Amino acid sequence: MKVRIIQSKLSPDIVRGIMIDEFGDMAKVDVDIERGVLTIGGEWHSEGQDELVEKGSDGSKVWGCNYYAFREPEKRIEYNSLINIKPGIGHTSMDVKENDVKEKMKNIIELLLLSSDETIQR
């Protein structure tokens, strides 16, 4: 499982390949909501967060989720990860609860991975 930093739109075929290479139907995604980039892949969200921070991201702006590309668009993202526990900014839950953060994550994911009108099959 390899962590990839994504800064520009991937083709649906590449997304399909990543999904299959990772957990079969799911991949770990970490989104820098400030810089508009994400990582996909790896066994743990912390791996993607570490890659982003190493490349200049502020860790408090990086949020993790599980991404299911084969699902219908409204059910692709599960906003849950250990990296979302950020006591320094007062966020003590693994779940992203703030709607503005969820919306930013969703927009970046749809821009770089699959838009809401794109679908892929296994």
C-alpha atoms as a PDB file:
ATOM      1  CA  MET A   1       0.000   0.000   0.000  1.00  0.00           C
ATOM      2  CA  LYS A   2       1.520   3.181  -1.208  1.00  0.00           C
ATOM      3  CA  VAL A   3       0.616   6.750  -0.226  1.00  0.00           C
ATOM      4  CA  ARG A   4       0.237   9.062  -3.210  1.00  0.00           C
ATOM      5  CA  ILE A   5      -0.017  12.853  -3.050  1.00  0.00           C
ATOM      6  CA  ILE A   6      -2.662  14.010  -5.533  1.00  0.00           C
ATOM      7  CA  GLN A   7      -2.586  17.588  -6.810  1.00  0.00           C
ATOM      8  CA  SER A   8      -4.427  17.208 -10.122  1.00  0.00           C
ATOM      9  CA  LYS A   9      -7.420  15.219 -11.358  1.00  0.00           C
ATOM     10  CA  LEU A  10      -6.986  11.471 -11.697  1.00  0.00           C
ATOM     11  CA  SER A  11      -8.762   9.496 -14.406  1.00  0.00           C
ATOM     12  CA  PRO A  12     -11.502   7.109 -13.280  1.00  0.00           C
ATOM     13  CA  ASP A  13      -9.332   4.172 -14.426  1.00  0.00           C
ATOM     14  CA  ILE A  14      -6.490   5.272 -12.150  1.00  0.00           C
ATOM     15  CA  VAL A  15      -8.914   5.703  -9.234  1.00  0.00           C
ATOM     16  CA  ARG A  16     -10.258   2.193  -9.889  1.00  0.00           C
ATOM     17  CA  GLY A  17      -6.728   0.757  -9.857  1.00  0.00           C
ATOM     18  CA  ILE A  18      -5.850   2.507  -6.603  1.00  0.00           C
ATOM     19  CA  MET A  19      -9.018   1.223  -4.938  1.00  0.00           C
ATOM     20  CA  ILE A  20      -8.291  -2.352  -5.969  1.00  0.00           C
ATOM     21  CA  ASP A  21      -4.630  -2.075  -4.912  1.00  0.00           C
ATOM     22  CA  GLU A  22      -5.531  -0.695  -1.485  1.00  0.00           C
ATOM     23  CA  PHE A  23      -8.311  -2.414   0.497  1.00  0.00           C
ATOM     24  CA  GLY A  24     -10.269  -3.679  -2.530  1.00  0.00           C
ATOM     25  CA  ASP A  25     -13.202  -1.326  -2.161  1.00  0.00           C
ATOM     26  CA  MET A  26     -11.847   1.451   0.065  1.00  0.00           C
ATOM     27  CA  ALA A  27      -8.810   3.693   0.353  1.00  0.00           C
ATOM     28  CA  LYS A  28      -7.549   5.986   3.101  1.00  0.00           C
ATOM     29  CA  VAL A  29      -7.728   9.638   2.028  1.00  0.00           C
ATOM     30  CA  ASP A  30      -6.267  12.650   3.829  1.00  0.00           C
ATOM     31  CA  VAL A  31      -7.261  16.117   2.654  1.00  0.00           C
ATOM     32  CA  ASP A  32      -5.437  19.393   3.227  1.00  0.00           C
ATOM     33  CA  ILE A  33      -8.438  21.714   3.158  1.00  0.00           C
ATOM     34  CA  GLU A  34      -6.202  24.790   3.005  1.00  0.00           C
ATOM     35  CA  ARG A  35      -3.922  23.780   0.103  1.00  0.00           C
ATOM     36  CA  GLY A  36      -6.509  21.764  -1.856  1.00  0.00           C
ATOM     37  CA  VAL A  37      -4.408  18.592  -2.127  1.00  0.00           C
ATOM     38  CA  LEU A  38      -4.929  15.087  -0.818  1.00  0.00           C
ATOM     39  CA  THR A  39      -3.225  11.781  -0.282  1.00  0.00           C
ATOM     40  CA  ILE A  40      -4.720   8.446  -1.140  1.00  0.00           C
ATOM     41  CA  GLY A  41      -3.477   5.063  -0.036  1.00  0.00           C
ATOM     42  CA  GLY A  42      -1.537   3.569   2.783  1.00  0.00           C
ATOM     43  CA  GLU A  43      -2.562   1.435   5.696  1.00  0.00           C
ATOM     44  CA  TRP A  44      -3.080   4.318   8.138  1.00  0.00           C
ATOM     45  CA  HIS A  45      -4.328   7.886   7.743  1.00  0.00           C
ATOM     46  CA  SER A  46      -1.282   9.048   9.674  1.00  0.00           C
ATOM     47  CA  GLU A  47       0.923   7.990   6.748  1.00  0.00           C
ATOM     48  CA  GLY A  48      -0.864  10.387   4.411  1.00  0.00           C
ATOM     49  CA  GLN A  49      -0.912  13.158   6.974  1.00  0.00           C
ATOM     50  CA  ASP A  50       2.838  12.737   7.508  1.00  0.00           C
ATOM     51  CA  GLU A  51       3.449  12.995   3.742  1.00  0.00           C
ATOM     52  CA  LEU A  52       1.397  16.182   3.498  1.00  0.00           C
ATOM     53  CA  VAL A  53       3.056  17.793   6.536  1.00  0.00           C
ATOM     54  CA  GLU A  54       6.470  16.886   5.125  1.00  0.00           C
ATOM     55  CA  LYS A  55       5.477  18.747   1.935  1.00  0.00           C
ATOM     56  CA  GLY A  56       4.398  21.879   3.825  1.00  0.00           C
ATOM     57  CA  SER A  57       0.859  21.256   5.073  1.00  0.00           C
ATOM     58  CA  ASP A  58      -0.308  22.448   8.474  1.00  0.00           C
ATOM     59  CA  GLY A  59      -1.410  19.283  10.307  1.00  0.00           C
ATOM     60  CA  SER A  60      -4.394  21.090  11.817  1.00  0.00           C
ATOM     61  CA  LYS A  61      -5.745  21.566   8.283  1.00  0.00           C
ATOM     62  CA  VAL A  62      -5.385  17.892   7.274  1.00  0.00           C
ATOM     63  CA  TRP A  63      -8.469  15.731   7.808  1.00  0.00           C
ATOM     64  CA  GLY A  64      -8.885  12.006   7.200  1.00  0.00           C
ATOM     65  CA  CYS A  65     -11.680   9.924   5.738  1.00  0.00           C
ATOM     66  CA  ASN A  66     -12.357   6.527   4.231  1.00  0.00           C
ATOM     67  CA  TYR A  67     -13.202   6.690   0.539  1.00  0.00           C
ATOM     68  CA  TYR A  68     -15.403   4.143  -1.233  1.00  0.00           C
ATOM     69  CA  ALA A  69     -15.223   5.010  -4.946  1.00  0.00           C
ATOM     70  CA  PHE A  70     -17.512   2.168  -6.051  1.00  0.00           C
ATOM     71  CA  ARG A  71     -20.458   3.491  -4.021  1.00  0.00           C
ATOM     72  CA  GLU A  72     -23.022   6.036  -5.180  1.00  0.00           C
ATOM     73  CA  PRO A  73     -21.618   9.587  -4.845  1.00  0.00           C
ATOM     74  CA  GLU A  74     -23.459  10.591  -1.659  1.00  0.00           C
ATOM     75  CA  LYS A  75     -22.135   7.518   0.207  1.00  0.00           C
ATOM     76  CA  ARG A  76     -18.485   7.545  -0.917  1.00  0.00           C
ATOM     77  CA  ILE A  77     -16.961   9.451   1.999  1.00  0.00           C
ATOM     78  CA  GLU A  78     -16.918   8.372   5.645  1.00  0.00           C
ATOM     79  CA  TYR A  79     -15.549  11.320   7.629  1.00  0.00           C
ATOM     80  CA  ASN A  80     -13.839   9.260  10.324  1.00  0.00           C
ATOM     81  CA  SER A  81     -10.166   8.920  11.252  1.00  0.00           C
ATOM     82  CA  LEU A  82      -7.860   8.987  14.255  1.00  0.00           C
ATOM     83  CA  ILE A  83      -6.010  11.953  12.721  1.00  0.00           C
ATOM     84  CA  ASN A  84      -9.194  13.997  13.123  1.00  0.00           C
ATOM     85  CA  ILE A  85      -8.600  14.126  16.872  1.00  0.00           C
ATOM     86  CA  LYS A  86      -6.978  17.551  17.156  1.00  0.00           C
ATOM     87  CA  PRO A  87      -7.020  18.715  20.799  1.00  0.00           C
ATOM     88  CA  GLY A  88      -4.910  21.752  19.896  1.00  0.00           C
ATOM     89  CA  ILE A  89      -7.848  23.212  17.978  1.00  0.00           C
ATOM     90  CA  GLY A  90     -10.509  21.769  20.268  1.00  0.00           C
ATOM     91  CA  HIS A  91     -11.588  18.875  18.022  1.00  0.00           C
ATOM     92  CA  THR A  92     -11.790  15.763  20.199  1.00  0.00           C
ATOM     93  CA  SER A  93     -13.696  13.387  17.922  1.00  0.00           C
ATOM     94  CA  MET A  94     -12.584  10.946  15.238  1.00  0.00           C
ATOM     95  CA  ASP A  95     -15.608  12.107  13.217  1.00  0.00           C
ATOM     96  CA  VAL A  96     -15.517  15.365  11.313  1.00  0.00           C
ATOM     97  CA  LYS A  97     -18.516  17.183  12.734  1.00  0.00           C
ATOM     98  CA  GLU A  98     -18.096  20.625  11.176  1.00  0.00           C
ATOM     99  CA  ASN A  99     -20.153  20.967   8.004  1.00  0.00           C
ATOM    100  CA  ASP A 100     -17.768  23.510   6.498  1.00  0.00           C
ATOM    101  CA  VAL A 101     -14.815  21.104   6.890  1.00  0.00           C
ATOM    102  CA  LYS A 102     -16.859  18.245   5.387  1.00  0.00           C
ATOM    103  CA  GLU A 103     -17.853  20.423   2.450  1.00  0.00           C
ATOM    104  CA  LYS A 104     -14.246  21.474   1.773  1.00  0.00           C
ATOM    105  CA  MET A 105     -13.104  17.847   1.954  1.00  0.00           C
ATOM    106  CA  LYS A 106     -15.887  16.711  -0.377  1.00  0.00           C
ATOM    107  CA  ASN A 107     -15.164  19.457  -2.910  1.00  0.00           C
ATOM    108  CA  ILE A 108     -11.449  18.629  -3.042  1.00  0.00           C
ATOM    109  CA  ILE A 109     -12.100  14.890  -3.285  1.00  0.00           C
ATOM    110  CA  GLU A 110     -14.608  15.403  -6.108  1.00  0.00           C
ATOM    111  CA  LEU A 111     -12.193  17.713  -7.920  1.00  0.00           C
ATOM    112  CA  LEU A 112      -9.225  15.336  -7.716  1.00  0.00           C
ATOM    113  CA  LEU A 113     -10.761  11.835  -7.638  1.00  0.00           C
ATOM    114  CA  LEU A 114     -14.334  11.279  -8.840  1.00  0.00           C
ATOM    115  CA  SER A 115     -16.870  14.015  -9.361  1.00  0.00           C
ATOM    116  CA  SER A 116     -20.458  13.412  -8.292  1.00  0.00           C
ATOM    117  CA  ASP A 117     -21.406  12.594 -11.906  1.00  0.00           C
ATOM    118  CA  GLU A 118     -18.641  10.026 -12.393  1.00  0.00           C
ATOM    119  CA  THR A 119     -19.007   6.367 -11.493  1.00  0.00           C
ATOM    120  CA  ILE A 120     -16.702   3.384 -11.719  1.00  0.00           C
ATOM    121  CA  GLN A 121     -17.291  -0.352 -11.559  1.00  0.00           C
ATOM    122  CA  ARG A 122     -15.093  -2.999  -9.952  1.00  0.00           C
END
